[in-house]
Amino acid sequence: MKLAESLENGPHANLAKFAGEWTGTTKTWFEPDVVADESPMSGTIKVILGGRFLMHEYSGSLQGKPFDGVAIFGFDIATNKFQMAWVDSFHMSTGVMFSEGDAGG
């Protein structure tokens, strides 16, 4: 698959459908079955770099303290895998989380 095809009707076209303004409620657990916090979250998802990636910038709070984050989502045509890199001002400290996997249902 080539990028132009993916942008028109493939994985990149499907990712682009998530672009927009988002609000909701986030829940945080530090141990199973015990919700430590539930609070409002808002963010913007935009298509970047010619449709190659999505960038999600968001903000919220955890136990009354504000935090922000950024996630980059993409699809690697060479490996046929979805990928994500994520950082935020609470969970990740100074690290970057990288994830990769196949499409789900």
Foldseek 3Di string as FASTA:
>chain_A
DDPVVCCVDNDLVVVQVPFDKDKDWDWDDPDPPDTQDIWIKIWGWHQDDVSAKIKIWMWIAGPPHIKIKIKIWGADPVVRKIKMWIDMVPPAPPDIDIDIDHDDD
